[in-house]
N, C-alpha and C. Protein backbone atom coordinates (compact mmCIF):
# COMPACT_ATOMS: atom_id res chain seq x y z
N MET A 1 -8.52 13.43 -19.67
CA MET A 1 -8.28 13.08 -18.28
C MET A 1 -6.82 12.69 -18.11
N GLY A 2 -6.12 13.36 -17.20
CA GLY A 2 -4.72 13.07 -16.96
C GLY A 2 -4.55 11.92 -16.00
N CYS A 3 -3.32 11.45 -15.89
CA CYS A 3 -3.02 10.34 -15.00
C CYS A 3 -3.41 10.66 -13.56
N ARG A 4 -3.15 11.89 -13.13
CA ARG A 4 -3.46 12.26 -11.75
C ARG A 4 -4.96 12.21 -11.46
N ASP A 5 -5.78 12.34 -12.50
CA ASP A 5 -7.23 12.25 -12.30
C ASP A 5 -7.65 10.84 -11.90
N SER A 6 -6.81 9.85 -12.20
CA SER A 6 -7.16 8.47 -11.87
C SER A 6 -6.70 8.07 -10.47
N PHE A 7 -6.00 8.95 -9.76
CA PHE A 7 -5.58 8.63 -8.41
C PHE A 7 -6.80 8.53 -7.51
N PRO A 8 -6.81 7.58 -6.58
CA PRO A 8 -7.95 7.49 -5.66
C PRO A 8 -8.00 8.70 -4.73
N PRO A 9 -9.18 9.02 -4.24
CA PRO A 9 -9.28 10.15 -3.31
C PRO A 9 -8.65 9.78 -1.96
N LEU A 10 -8.32 10.80 -1.20
CA LEU A 10 -7.82 10.56 0.15
C LEU A 10 -8.97 10.04 1.01
N PRO A 11 -8.67 9.21 2.00
CA PRO A 11 -9.74 8.72 2.87
C PRO A 11 -10.29 9.86 3.72
N PRO A 12 -11.54 9.73 4.16
CA PRO A 12 -12.14 10.79 4.98
C PRO A 12 -11.36 11.08 6.26
N ASN A 13 -10.64 10.10 6.77
CA ASN A 13 -9.89 10.29 8.01
C ASN A 13 -8.41 10.55 7.76
N PHE A 14 -8.08 11.12 6.59
CA PHE A 14 -6.69 11.39 6.23
C PHE A 14 -6.02 12.35 7.21
N GLU A 15 -6.69 13.43 7.53
CA GLU A 15 -6.14 14.43 8.45
C GLU A 15 -6.19 13.90 9.88
N ALA A 16 -5.23 14.31 10.67
CA ALA A 16 -5.22 13.92 12.08
C ALA A 16 -6.46 14.46 12.78
N ASP A 17 -7.00 13.69 13.67
CA ASP A 17 -8.17 14.09 14.44
C ASP A 17 -7.77 15.24 15.36
N PRO A 18 -8.44 16.40 15.25
CA PRO A 18 -8.06 17.54 16.11
C PRO A 18 -8.27 17.26 17.59
N CYS A 19 -9.04 16.23 17.92
CA CYS A 19 -9.30 15.88 19.31
C CYS A 19 -8.47 14.68 19.78
N GLU A 20 -7.45 14.30 18.98
CA GLU A 20 -6.66 13.13 19.37
C GLU A 20 -5.94 13.40 20.68
N PRO A 21 -5.73 12.37 21.47
CA PRO A 21 -5.01 12.54 22.74
C PRO A 21 -3.60 13.08 22.49
N LEU A 22 -3.11 13.86 23.42
CA LEU A 22 -1.79 14.46 23.30
C LEU A 22 -0.70 13.40 23.09
N ALA A 23 -0.82 12.27 23.76
CA ALA A 23 0.19 11.22 23.62
C ALA A 23 0.27 10.73 22.18
N LEU A 24 -0.87 10.59 21.51
CA LEU A 24 -0.86 10.16 20.10
C LEU A 24 -0.26 11.23 19.20
N LYS A 25 -0.62 12.49 19.48
CA LYS A 25 -0.09 13.58 18.67
C LYS A 25 1.44 13.65 18.79
N LEU A 26 1.94 13.55 20.00
CA LEU A 26 3.39 13.60 20.20
C LEU A 26 4.08 12.42 19.53
N ARG A 27 3.47 11.27 19.60
CA ARG A 27 4.06 10.09 18.95
C ARG A 27 4.07 10.25 17.43
N ARG A 28 2.97 10.76 16.87
CA ARG A 28 2.87 10.95 15.42
C ARG A 28 3.86 12.01 14.94
N GLU A 29 4.10 13.03 15.72
CA GLU A 29 4.98 14.12 15.31
C GLU A 29 6.45 13.88 15.65
N ASN A 30 6.75 12.83 16.37
CA ASN A 30 8.13 12.50 16.74
C ASN A 30 8.91 12.12 15.49
N SER A 31 10.05 12.73 15.26
CA SER A 31 10.83 12.45 14.05
C SER A 31 11.39 11.04 14.05
N ARG A 32 11.42 10.38 15.19
CA ARG A 32 11.92 9.00 15.26
C ARG A 32 10.77 8.01 15.42
N TYR A 33 9.56 8.41 15.08
CA TYR A 33 8.38 7.57 15.28
C TYR A 33 8.49 6.24 14.55
N GLY A 34 8.81 6.29 13.29
CA GLY A 34 8.91 5.07 12.50
C GLY A 34 9.64 5.35 11.21
N HIS A 35 10.15 4.30 10.62
CA HIS A 35 10.93 4.47 9.39
C HIS A 35 10.10 5.06 8.26
N GLU A 36 8.79 4.81 8.26
CA GLU A 36 7.95 5.31 7.17
C GLU A 36 7.86 6.84 7.15
N LEU A 37 7.96 7.47 8.30
CA LEU A 37 7.85 8.93 8.34
C LEU A 37 9.06 9.62 7.72
N ALA A 38 10.20 8.97 7.77
CA ALA A 38 11.39 9.57 7.17
C ALA A 38 11.18 9.79 5.68
N HIS A 39 10.38 8.95 5.05
CA HIS A 39 10.15 9.05 3.61
C HIS A 39 8.89 9.83 3.24
N THR A 40 8.00 9.96 4.18
CA THR A 40 6.69 10.53 3.83
C THR A 40 6.33 11.81 4.57
N ARG A 41 7.15 12.25 5.47
CA ARG A 41 6.81 13.41 6.30
C ARG A 41 6.42 14.64 5.48
N ASP A 42 7.09 14.89 4.37
CA ASP A 42 6.83 16.08 3.57
C ASP A 42 5.97 15.81 2.34
N TRP A 43 5.32 14.64 2.28
CA TRP A 43 4.48 14.34 1.13
C TRP A 43 3.26 15.25 1.11
N THR A 44 2.88 15.68 -0.08
CA THR A 44 1.67 16.47 -0.27
C THR A 44 0.47 15.52 -0.33
N PRO A 45 -0.74 16.05 -0.16
CA PRO A 45 -1.93 15.20 -0.33
C PRO A 45 -1.95 14.53 -1.72
N GLU A 46 -1.48 15.24 -2.74
CA GLU A 46 -1.46 14.62 -4.08
C GLU A 46 -0.50 13.43 -4.12
N ARG A 47 0.63 13.56 -3.46
CA ARG A 47 1.59 12.44 -3.42
C ARG A 47 0.99 11.26 -2.69
N TRP A 48 0.22 11.51 -1.62
CA TRP A 48 -0.47 10.42 -0.91
C TRP A 48 -1.51 9.77 -1.80
N ARG A 49 -2.14 10.53 -2.67
CA ARG A 49 -3.11 9.94 -3.61
C ARG A 49 -2.39 9.08 -4.65
N GLU A 50 -1.19 9.49 -5.03
CA GLU A 50 -0.43 8.74 -6.03
C GLU A 50 0.06 7.41 -5.47
N TYR A 51 0.35 7.36 -4.20
CA TYR A 51 0.93 6.17 -3.56
C TYR A 51 0.08 4.92 -3.76
N PRO A 52 -1.21 4.90 -3.40
CA PRO A 52 -1.99 3.68 -3.61
C PRO A 52 -2.18 3.36 -5.10
N HIS A 53 -2.25 4.39 -5.95
CA HIS A 53 -2.37 4.17 -7.39
C HIS A 53 -1.16 3.37 -7.89
N THR A 54 0.04 3.80 -7.51
CA THR A 54 1.26 3.11 -7.91
C THR A 54 1.32 1.71 -7.32
N TYR A 55 0.96 1.60 -6.05
CA TYR A 55 0.97 0.30 -5.37
C TYR A 55 0.07 -0.70 -6.09
N HIS A 56 -1.14 -0.28 -6.43
CA HIS A 56 -2.08 -1.19 -7.09
C HIS A 56 -1.61 -1.57 -8.49
N ARG A 57 -0.97 -0.66 -9.18
CA ARG A 57 -0.41 -0.99 -10.49
C ARG A 57 0.70 -2.03 -10.36
N LEU A 58 1.56 -1.88 -9.36
CA LEU A 58 2.62 -2.86 -9.14
C LEU A 58 2.05 -4.22 -8.75
N VAL A 59 1.01 -4.23 -7.92
CA VAL A 59 0.37 -5.49 -7.54
C VAL A 59 -0.23 -6.16 -8.78
N SER A 60 -0.84 -5.40 -9.66
CA SER A 60 -1.40 -5.97 -10.89
C SER A 60 -0.31 -6.59 -11.76
N GLN A 61 0.82 -5.92 -11.87
CA GLN A 61 1.93 -6.48 -12.65
C GLN A 61 2.46 -7.76 -12.01
N ALA A 62 2.58 -7.76 -10.68
CA ALA A 62 3.05 -8.96 -9.99
C ALA A 62 2.04 -10.10 -10.16
N ASP A 63 0.76 -9.78 -10.11
CA ASP A 63 -0.28 -10.78 -10.28
C ASP A 63 -0.17 -11.46 -11.65
N ARG A 64 0.03 -10.65 -12.68
CA ARG A 64 0.19 -11.22 -14.02
C ARG A 64 1.44 -12.11 -14.09
N ALA A 65 2.54 -11.65 -13.51
CA ALA A 65 3.78 -12.43 -13.55
C ALA A 65 3.65 -13.73 -12.75
N LEU A 66 3.03 -13.64 -11.58
CA LEU A 66 2.88 -14.82 -10.73
C LEU A 66 1.89 -15.82 -11.31
N GLY A 67 1.02 -15.37 -12.20
CA GLY A 67 0.09 -16.28 -12.86
C GLY A 67 0.80 -17.33 -13.69
N CYS A 68 2.05 -17.08 -14.05
CA CYS A 68 2.84 -18.05 -14.82
C CYS A 68 3.19 -19.27 -13.97
N VAL A 69 3.28 -19.12 -12.67
CA VAL A 69 3.71 -20.23 -11.81
C VAL A 69 2.74 -21.40 -11.86
N PRO A 70 1.44 -21.21 -11.61
CA PRO A 70 0.52 -22.36 -11.69
C PRO A 70 0.47 -22.98 -13.09
N ARG A 71 0.57 -22.15 -14.11
CA ARG A 71 0.54 -22.69 -15.47
C ARG A 71 1.78 -23.55 -15.73
N ALA A 72 2.94 -23.11 -15.25
CA ALA A 72 4.17 -23.89 -15.43
C ALA A 72 4.10 -25.19 -14.64
N LEU A 73 3.55 -25.14 -13.43
CA LEU A 73 3.41 -26.36 -12.63
C LEU A 73 2.49 -27.36 -13.34
N GLU A 74 1.41 -26.85 -13.89
CA GLU A 74 0.47 -27.73 -14.60
C GLU A 74 1.12 -28.31 -15.86
N ALA A 75 1.83 -27.48 -16.60
CA ALA A 75 2.47 -27.96 -17.83
C ALA A 75 3.52 -29.03 -17.52
N GLY A 76 4.18 -28.93 -16.37
CA GLY A 76 5.18 -29.92 -16.00
C GLY A 76 4.62 -31.11 -15.25
N GLY A 77 3.30 -31.09 -14.97
CA GLY A 77 2.68 -32.19 -14.25
C GLY A 77 2.94 -32.17 -12.76
N TRP A 78 3.36 -31.04 -12.22
CA TRP A 78 3.70 -30.95 -10.80
C TRP A 78 2.60 -30.27 -9.98
N ASN A 79 1.51 -29.90 -10.58
CA ASN A 79 0.50 -29.10 -9.88
C ASN A 79 -0.32 -29.89 -8.87
N ALA A 80 -0.41 -31.21 -8.99
CA ALA A 80 -1.27 -31.99 -8.10
C ALA A 80 -0.79 -31.98 -6.65
N ASN A 81 0.51 -31.97 -6.43
CA ASN A 81 1.04 -32.06 -5.06
C ASN A 81 1.95 -30.90 -4.70
N THR A 82 1.77 -29.76 -5.35
CA THR A 82 2.63 -28.61 -5.08
C THR A 82 1.79 -27.45 -4.57
N PRO A 83 1.89 -27.13 -3.28
CA PRO A 83 1.16 -25.95 -2.79
C PRO A 83 1.88 -24.67 -3.23
N VAL A 84 1.11 -23.69 -3.58
CA VAL A 84 1.65 -22.38 -3.96
C VAL A 84 0.96 -21.35 -3.07
N ILE A 85 1.75 -20.58 -2.33
CA ILE A 85 1.20 -19.60 -1.40
C ILE A 85 1.82 -18.24 -1.71
N PHE A 86 0.98 -17.25 -1.93
CA PHE A 86 1.42 -15.88 -2.15
C PHE A 86 0.87 -15.02 -1.02
N THR A 87 1.70 -14.14 -0.49
CA THR A 87 1.25 -13.22 0.55
C THR A 87 1.68 -11.80 0.19
N SER A 88 1.11 -10.84 0.89
CA SER A 88 1.43 -9.45 0.63
C SER A 88 1.12 -8.62 1.87
N ASP A 89 1.78 -7.47 1.98
CA ASP A 89 1.47 -6.53 3.05
C ASP A 89 0.28 -5.69 2.61
N PRO A 90 -0.69 -5.48 3.50
CA PRO A 90 -1.82 -4.64 3.11
C PRO A 90 -1.42 -3.17 3.05
N LEU A 91 -1.80 -2.51 2.00
CA LEU A 91 -1.47 -1.09 1.82
C LEU A 91 -2.10 -0.24 2.91
N ARG A 92 -3.28 -0.60 3.36
CA ARG A 92 -4.00 0.27 4.30
C ARG A 92 -3.19 0.57 5.54
N ASP A 93 -2.27 -0.33 5.94
CA ASP A 93 -1.47 -0.08 7.12
C ASP A 93 -0.39 0.97 6.90
N SER A 94 -0.13 1.31 5.65
CA SER A 94 0.91 2.29 5.32
C SER A 94 0.35 3.68 5.05
N MET A 95 -0.96 3.81 5.03
CA MET A 95 -1.61 5.07 4.69
C MET A 95 -2.05 5.81 5.94
N PRO A 96 -1.99 7.13 5.91
CA PRO A 96 -2.55 7.90 7.03
C PRO A 96 -4.02 7.54 7.20
N GLY A 97 -4.45 7.36 8.38
CA GLY A 97 -5.85 7.01 8.63
C GLY A 97 -6.13 5.55 8.36
N GLY A 98 -5.13 4.77 8.03
CA GLY A 98 -5.32 3.33 7.78
C GLY A 98 -6.17 3.06 6.57
N ALA A 99 -6.03 3.89 5.52
CA ALA A 99 -6.87 3.74 4.33
C ALA A 99 -6.63 2.46 3.61
């Protein structure tokens, strides 16, 4: 099994709805629609499958690295009164179809 076999499948709503309103179609096809289209307009379906795979691997690496923070706070005795807040952008908002 190759690396590409581990990529998640495309969501069922990956392709544009053929019945979408004209205003949405024109907005989606506008070259100035959003900064994300400048980077993804020519992506193949395989590249879209690779995107969440890479994203989740990076999140896993960040999770492991950030796990050091609570341990360091505890080791230094600072964990009782130190709030730690981590946030992230949801990937689904960056995928076609909101996957």
